[in-house]
N, C-alpha and C. Protein backbone atom coordinates (compact mmCIF):
# COMPACT_ATOMS: atom_id res chain seq x y z
N MET A 1 0.82 -1.20 0.00
CA MET A 1 0.00 0.00 0.00
C MET A 1 0.87 1.27 0.00
N THR A 2 1.94 1.24 0.76
CA THR A 2 2.83 2.39 0.84
C THR A 2 3.47 2.66 -0.51
N ARG A 3 3.83 1.61 -1.24
CA ARG A 3 4.45 1.78 -2.55
C ARG A 3 3.48 2.45 -3.52
N ILE A 4 2.23 2.09 -3.45
CA ILE A 4 1.22 2.70 -4.33
C ILE A 4 1.08 4.18 -3.99
N ALA A 5 1.02 4.50 -2.70
CA ALA A 5 0.89 5.90 -2.27
C ALA A 5 2.11 6.71 -2.72
N GLU A 6 3.31 6.12 -2.60
CA GLU A 6 4.52 6.81 -3.04
C GLU A 6 4.49 7.04 -4.55
N LYS A 7 4.03 6.04 -5.29
CA LYS A 7 3.96 6.16 -6.75
C LYS A 7 2.96 7.26 -7.15
N VAL A 8 1.82 7.28 -6.50
CA VAL A 8 0.81 8.31 -6.78
C VAL A 8 1.36 9.69 -6.43
N ALA A 9 2.04 9.80 -5.30
CA ALA A 9 2.61 11.09 -4.89
C ALA A 9 3.66 11.55 -5.89
N ARG A 10 4.52 10.63 -6.34
CA ARG A 10 5.54 10.96 -7.34
C ARG A 10 4.90 11.44 -8.63
N GLN A 11 3.88 10.73 -9.07
CA GLN A 11 3.18 11.10 -10.30
C GLN A 11 2.54 12.49 -10.16
N HIS A 12 1.94 12.74 -9.02
CA HIS A 12 1.31 14.04 -8.77
C HIS A 12 2.36 15.15 -8.80
N ARG A 13 3.52 14.93 -8.15
CA ARG A 13 4.59 15.93 -8.16
C ARG A 13 5.09 16.18 -9.58
N HIS A 14 5.23 15.11 -10.35
CA HIS A 14 5.69 15.23 -11.73
C HIS A 14 4.70 16.05 -12.56
N GLU A 15 3.42 15.77 -12.41
CA GLU A 15 2.40 16.52 -13.15
C GLU A 15 2.39 17.99 -12.73
N ALA A 16 2.56 18.25 -11.43
CA ALA A 16 2.58 19.63 -10.94
C ALA A 16 3.79 20.37 -11.50
N GLU A 17 4.95 19.69 -11.54
CA GLU A 17 6.15 20.32 -12.09
C GLU A 17 5.99 20.63 -13.57
N GLU A 18 5.38 19.71 -14.32
CA GLU A 18 5.14 19.96 -15.75
C GLU A 18 4.19 21.13 -15.93
N SER A 19 3.17 21.20 -15.09
CA SER A 19 2.21 22.30 -15.16
C SER A 19 2.90 23.63 -14.85
N ASP A 20 3.73 23.65 -13.80
CA ASP A 20 4.48 24.86 -13.45
C ASP A 20 5.42 25.27 -14.57
N HIS A 21 6.09 24.28 -15.18
CA HIS A 21 7.01 24.56 -16.28
C HIS A 21 6.27 25.18 -17.46
N ALA A 22 5.12 24.63 -17.80
CA ALA A 22 4.32 25.17 -18.91
C ALA A 22 3.85 26.60 -18.58
N LEU A 23 3.47 26.82 -17.34
CA LEU A 23 3.05 28.16 -16.92
C LEU A 23 4.20 29.15 -17.07
N ILE A 24 5.37 28.79 -16.58
CA ILE A 24 6.52 29.69 -16.66
C ILE A 24 6.88 29.98 -18.11
N ASP A 25 6.84 28.95 -18.97
CA ASP A 25 7.10 29.18 -20.39
C ASP A 25 6.12 30.19 -20.97
N ALA A 26 4.85 30.06 -20.62
CA ALA A 26 3.83 30.99 -21.12
C ALA A 26 4.08 32.40 -20.59
N VAL A 27 4.44 32.51 -19.33
CA VAL A 27 4.70 33.82 -18.72
C VAL A 27 5.93 34.47 -19.36
N LEU A 28 6.98 33.70 -19.58
CA LEU A 28 8.19 34.25 -20.21
C LEU A 28 7.90 34.75 -21.61
N ARG A 29 7.11 33.99 -22.35
CA ARG A 29 6.72 34.44 -23.70
C ARG A 29 5.94 35.75 -23.61
N LEU A 30 5.01 35.79 -22.68
CA LEU A 30 4.19 37.00 -22.51
C LEU A 30 5.07 38.20 -22.16
N ILE A 31 6.02 38.02 -21.26
CA ILE A 31 6.92 39.12 -20.90
C ILE A 31 7.76 39.53 -22.10
N ASP A 32 8.34 38.55 -22.78
CA ASP A 32 9.21 38.86 -23.93
C ASP A 32 8.46 39.58 -25.05
N GLU A 33 7.17 39.32 -25.17
CA GLU A 33 6.37 39.97 -26.21
C GLU A 33 5.75 41.29 -25.76
N ASN A 34 5.72 41.53 -24.44
CA ASN A 34 5.03 42.71 -23.91
C ASN A 34 5.86 43.50 -22.90
N TYR A 35 7.19 43.38 -22.97
CA TYR A 35 8.07 44.05 -22.00
C TYR A 35 7.83 45.56 -21.97
N MET A 36 7.33 46.13 -23.07
CA MET A 36 7.17 47.58 -23.15
C MET A 36 5.90 48.08 -22.46
N THR A 37 5.07 47.16 -22.00
CA THR A 37 3.84 47.55 -21.32
C THR A 37 4.05 47.53 -19.81
N ASP A 38 3.04 47.97 -19.09
CA ASP A 38 3.10 48.00 -17.64
C ASP A 38 2.79 46.60 -17.11
N LEU A 39 3.83 45.81 -16.90
CA LEU A 39 3.66 44.44 -16.40
C LEU A 39 3.82 44.43 -14.90
N ASN A 40 2.94 43.71 -14.22
CA ASN A 40 3.17 43.52 -12.80
C ASN A 40 2.79 42.10 -12.39
N LEU A 41 3.49 41.64 -11.39
CA LEU A 41 3.38 40.25 -10.96
C LEU A 41 1.97 39.90 -10.51
N THR A 42 1.33 40.75 -9.76
CA THR A 42 0.00 40.44 -9.25
C THR A 42 -0.99 40.22 -10.38
N ASP A 43 -0.99 41.09 -11.37
CA ASP A 43 -1.90 40.93 -12.50
C ASP A 43 -1.64 39.64 -13.26
N LEU A 44 -0.36 39.33 -13.48
CA LEU A 44 -0.03 38.09 -14.20
C LEU A 44 -0.42 36.86 -13.39
N ALA A 45 -0.15 36.88 -12.10
CA ALA A 45 -0.52 35.74 -11.25
C ALA A 45 -2.03 35.52 -11.31
N GLU A 46 -2.78 36.59 -11.19
CA GLU A 46 -4.24 36.47 -11.24
C GLU A 46 -4.71 36.02 -12.61
N ARG A 47 -4.05 36.48 -13.66
CA ARG A 47 -4.42 36.07 -15.02
C ARG A 47 -4.30 34.56 -15.19
N PHE A 48 -3.29 33.96 -14.53
CA PHE A 48 -3.08 32.52 -14.63
C PHE A 48 -3.65 31.76 -13.43
N ASN A 49 -4.47 32.45 -12.63
CA ASN A 49 -5.14 31.85 -11.48
C ASN A 49 -4.19 31.31 -10.42
N TYR A 50 -3.17 32.09 -10.09
CA TYR A 50 -2.23 31.73 -9.04
C TYR A 50 -2.21 32.80 -7.97
N ASN A 51 -1.92 32.39 -6.76
CA ASN A 51 -1.69 33.32 -5.67
C ASN A 51 -0.40 34.08 -5.98
N PRO A 52 -0.39 35.41 -5.88
CA PRO A 52 0.80 36.19 -6.22
C PRO A 52 2.07 35.77 -5.46
N SER A 53 1.95 35.45 -4.18
CA SER A 53 3.13 35.03 -3.41
C SER A 53 3.69 33.71 -3.93
N TYR A 54 2.80 32.75 -4.17
CA TYR A 54 3.23 31.46 -4.71
C TYR A 54 3.83 31.65 -6.10
N PHE A 55 3.17 32.45 -6.91
CA PHE A 55 3.64 32.71 -8.28
C PHE A 55 5.05 33.33 -8.25
N SER A 56 5.26 34.28 -7.36
CA SER A 56 6.55 34.95 -7.23
C SER A 56 7.65 33.95 -6.86
N GLU A 57 7.37 33.11 -5.86
CA GLU A 57 8.35 32.10 -5.44
C GLU A 57 8.62 31.09 -6.54
N MET A 58 7.57 30.63 -7.20
CA MET A 58 7.73 29.66 -8.28
C MET A 58 8.53 30.27 -9.42
N PHE A 59 8.22 31.51 -9.79
CA PHE A 59 8.93 32.18 -10.87
C PHE A 59 10.43 32.23 -10.56
N LYS A 60 10.77 32.68 -9.36
CA LYS A 60 12.18 32.79 -9.00
C LYS A 60 12.86 31.43 -8.98
N SER A 61 12.19 30.41 -8.47
CA SER A 61 12.83 29.09 -8.40
C SER A 61 13.02 28.49 -9.79
N LYS A 62 12.12 28.75 -10.71
CA LYS A 62 12.22 28.17 -12.06
C LYS A 62 13.12 28.99 -12.98
N VAL A 63 13.11 30.32 -12.83
CA VAL A 63 13.83 31.20 -13.76
C VAL A 63 15.20 31.60 -13.21
N GLY A 64 15.34 31.62 -11.89
CA GLY A 64 16.62 32.00 -11.29
C GLY A 64 16.76 33.48 -11.01
N LYS A 65 15.71 34.23 -11.26
CA LYS A 65 15.69 35.65 -10.93
C LYS A 65 14.26 36.04 -10.63
N THR A 66 14.11 37.18 -9.98
CA THR A 66 12.76 37.62 -9.65
C THR A 66 12.03 38.07 -10.91
N PHE A 67 10.73 38.18 -10.78
CA PHE A 67 9.89 38.65 -11.88
C PHE A 67 10.38 40.00 -12.38
N ILE A 68 10.59 40.94 -11.46
CA ILE A 68 10.99 42.28 -11.86
C ILE A 68 12.39 42.28 -12.48
N GLN A 69 13.28 41.44 -11.99
CA GLN A 69 14.61 41.33 -12.61
C GLN A 69 14.49 40.84 -14.05
N TYR A 70 13.63 39.85 -14.27
CA TYR A 70 13.47 39.32 -15.62
C TYR A 70 12.89 40.38 -16.55
N VAL A 71 11.87 41.09 -16.08
CA VAL A 71 11.25 42.14 -16.90
C VAL A 71 12.29 43.23 -17.21
N THR A 72 13.03 43.65 -16.20
CA THR A 72 14.05 44.68 -16.40
C THR A 72 15.11 44.22 -17.38
N ASP A 73 15.54 42.97 -17.27
CA ASP A 73 16.54 42.43 -18.21
C ASP A 73 16.00 42.42 -19.64
N ALA A 74 14.74 42.04 -19.81
CA ALA A 74 14.14 42.04 -21.15
C ALA A 74 14.09 43.45 -21.71
N ARG A 75 13.73 44.41 -20.86
CA ARG A 75 13.68 45.80 -21.30
C ARG A 75 15.07 46.33 -21.65
N MET A 76 16.05 46.00 -20.83
CA MET A 76 17.42 46.46 -21.09
C MET A 76 17.99 45.84 -22.36
N ALA A 77 17.69 44.59 -22.61
CA ALA A 77 18.19 43.95 -23.84
C ALA A 77 17.67 44.68 -25.06
N GLN A 78 16.39 45.04 -25.04
CA GLN A 78 15.82 45.79 -26.16
C GLN A 78 16.40 47.20 -26.22
N ALA A 79 16.60 47.82 -25.07
CA ALA A 79 17.19 49.17 -25.05
C ALA A 79 18.58 49.15 -25.69
N ILE A 80 19.36 48.14 -25.40
CA ILE A 80 20.70 48.04 -26.00
C ILE A 80 20.59 47.88 -27.51
N ARG A 81 19.65 47.05 -27.96
CA ARG A 81 19.46 46.90 -29.41
C ARG A 81 19.11 48.25 -30.05
N LEU A 82 18.25 49.01 -29.38
CA LEU A 82 17.86 50.32 -29.92
C LEU A 82 19.02 51.32 -29.86
N LEU A 83 19.79 51.30 -28.80
CA LEU A 83 20.95 52.19 -28.71
C LEU A 83 21.96 51.87 -29.80
N GLU A 84 22.14 50.60 -30.08
CA GLU A 84 23.13 50.17 -31.08
C GLU A 84 22.63 50.34 -32.51
N GLY A 85 21.33 50.18 -32.71
CA GLY A 85 20.83 50.13 -34.08
C GLY A 85 20.02 51.31 -34.56
N THR A 86 19.80 52.30 -33.69
CA THR A 86 19.00 53.45 -34.09
C THR A 86 19.63 54.73 -33.55
N GLU A 87 19.07 55.82 -33.96
CA GLU A 87 19.46 57.13 -33.43
C GLU A 87 18.33 57.71 -32.58
N LEU A 88 17.43 56.86 -32.12
CA LEU A 88 16.32 57.32 -31.29
C LEU A 88 16.83 58.03 -30.04
N SER A 89 16.06 58.99 -29.58
CA SER A 89 16.43 59.70 -28.35
C SER A 89 16.25 58.77 -27.15
N LEU A 90 16.88 59.14 -26.04
CA LEU A 90 16.73 58.35 -24.82
C LEU A 90 15.28 58.36 -24.35
N TRP A 91 14.58 59.46 -24.56
CA TRP A 91 13.16 59.53 -24.21
C TRP A 91 12.38 58.48 -24.99
N ASP A 92 12.64 58.40 -26.29
CA ASP A 92 11.94 57.43 -27.13
C ASP A 92 12.28 56.00 -26.73
N ILE A 93 13.55 55.75 -26.47
CA ILE A 93 13.97 54.40 -26.08
C ILE A 93 13.33 54.02 -24.75
N ALA A 94 13.32 54.95 -23.81
CA ALA A 94 12.68 54.68 -22.51
C ALA A 94 11.21 54.31 -22.72
N GLU A 95 10.53 55.09 -23.53
CA GLU A 95 9.10 54.82 -23.77
C GLU A 95 8.89 53.49 -24.49
N LEU A 96 9.70 53.21 -25.48
CA LEU A 96 9.55 51.98 -26.26
C LEU A 96 9.90 50.72 -25.49
N THR A 97 10.66 50.87 -24.42
CA THR A 97 11.07 49.70 -23.65
C THR A 97 10.36 49.57 -22.31
N GLY A 98 9.37 50.42 -22.06
CA GLY A 98 8.55 50.25 -20.87
C GLY A 98 9.02 50.97 -19.62
N PHE A 99 10.03 51.81 -19.74
CA PHE A 99 10.46 52.58 -18.57
C PHE A 99 9.58 53.82 -18.45
N SER A 100 9.34 54.25 -17.21
CA SER A 100 8.40 55.34 -16.98
C SER A 100 8.89 56.68 -17.51
N ASN A 101 10.21 56.88 -17.54
CA ASN A 101 10.76 58.12 -18.09
C ASN A 101 12.25 57.93 -18.38
N ALA A 102 12.82 58.87 -19.12
CA ALA A 102 14.21 58.75 -19.55
C ALA A 102 15.18 58.83 -18.37
N SER A 103 14.84 59.60 -17.37
CA SER A 103 15.71 59.73 -16.20
C SER A 103 15.83 58.40 -15.46
N TYR A 104 14.70 57.77 -15.22
CA TYR A 104 14.70 56.46 -14.55
C TYR A 104 15.44 55.43 -15.41
N PHE A 105 15.17 55.44 -16.71
CA PHE A 105 15.86 54.53 -17.63
C PHE A 105 17.37 54.73 -17.55
N SER A 106 17.82 55.98 -17.60
CA SER A 106 19.26 56.26 -17.56
C SER A 106 19.90 55.79 -16.27
N SER A 107 19.24 56.05 -15.14
CA SER A 107 19.83 55.63 -13.86
C SER A 107 19.85 54.11 -13.74
N LYS A 108 18.80 53.46 -14.20
CA LYS A 108 18.75 51.98 -14.16
C LYS A 108 19.81 51.39 -15.09
N PHE A 109 19.96 51.98 -16.28
CA PHE A 109 20.95 51.51 -17.24
C PHE A 109 22.35 51.64 -16.64
N LYS A 110 22.64 52.79 -16.04
CA LYS A 110 23.96 53.01 -15.45
C LYS A 110 24.22 52.03 -14.32
N ARG A 111 23.21 51.78 -13.49
CA ARG A 111 23.35 50.83 -12.39
C ARG A 111 23.66 49.43 -12.91
N MET A 112 23.05 49.06 -14.02
CA MET A 112 23.23 47.70 -14.56
C MET A 112 24.48 47.55 -15.42
N HIS A 113 24.85 48.61 -16.13
CA HIS A 113 25.93 48.50 -17.12
C HIS A 113 27.16 49.34 -16.82
N GLY A 114 27.09 50.17 -15.79
CA GLY A 114 28.26 50.95 -15.39
C GLY A 114 28.50 52.23 -16.17
N VAL A 115 27.70 52.47 -17.19
CA VAL A 115 27.78 53.70 -17.98
C VAL A 115 26.36 54.17 -18.29
N THR A 116 26.24 55.45 -18.60
CA THR A 116 24.92 55.95 -19.00
C THR A 116 24.61 55.46 -20.41
N PRO A 117 23.34 55.47 -20.79
CA PRO A 117 23.00 55.09 -22.17
C PRO A 117 23.70 55.97 -23.20
N SER A 118 23.82 57.26 -22.91
CA SER A 118 24.50 58.18 -23.83
C SER A 118 25.96 57.80 -24.00
N ASP A 119 26.63 57.52 -22.89
CA ASP A 119 28.04 57.12 -22.96
C ASP A 119 28.19 55.76 -23.64
N TYR A 120 27.25 54.87 -23.40
CA TYR A 120 27.27 53.57 -24.08
C TYR A 120 27.21 53.77 -25.59
N ARG A 121 26.29 54.61 -26.01
CA ARG A 121 26.12 54.87 -27.44
C ARG A 121 27.37 55.54 -28.02
N LYS A 122 27.95 56.49 -27.28
CA LYS A 122 29.17 57.16 -27.75
C LYS A 122 30.31 56.16 -27.91
N GLY A 123 30.37 55.18 -27.02
CA GLY A 123 31.42 54.18 -27.08
C GLY A 123 31.32 53.26 -28.29
N LEU A 124 30.16 53.25 -28.94
CA LEU A 124 29.96 52.42 -30.12
C LEU A 124 30.58 53.03 -31.36
N LYS A 125 30.79 54.34 -31.31
CA LYS A 125 31.25 55.06 -32.51
C LYS A 125 32.75 55.06 -32.64
C-alpha cells in the first residue's frame, strides 16, 4: 500500500512540475512579447489563477531571478538593441522599452551597465 501511495505522490509531483514549467514558459513568452507595457506580478498571477506570493516564489525558483529582474533584463536587452541600431532619443527608447521616463531609464541603465546610455552609445562610434 505504501508503494502505491509513493507512486501516486511521485506522479502528482511530476504533473505539478510539468504544469508549473508550462506556466513559466507561457509567462516568459508573454513578458518577452510585452516588455514595453506595464507588467506587474499580481496581474499576471491572477491572469493565470495563481496566488501572487506562490507565483513569485515559483517564478524565482524556475527562472533563477525575480519577476521584476526578468522584466528589467528584457527591457534592457531591447534598449541596448535600440541604442546600437537606431538614433532614437533616450526619451523614445525609454518609452519603447517600458520605462516610466528617460531619467529612470538612464539611472537603471547606469546601475546595470556601469555607464549611462548616452556614454554607451558614444562608445559604439
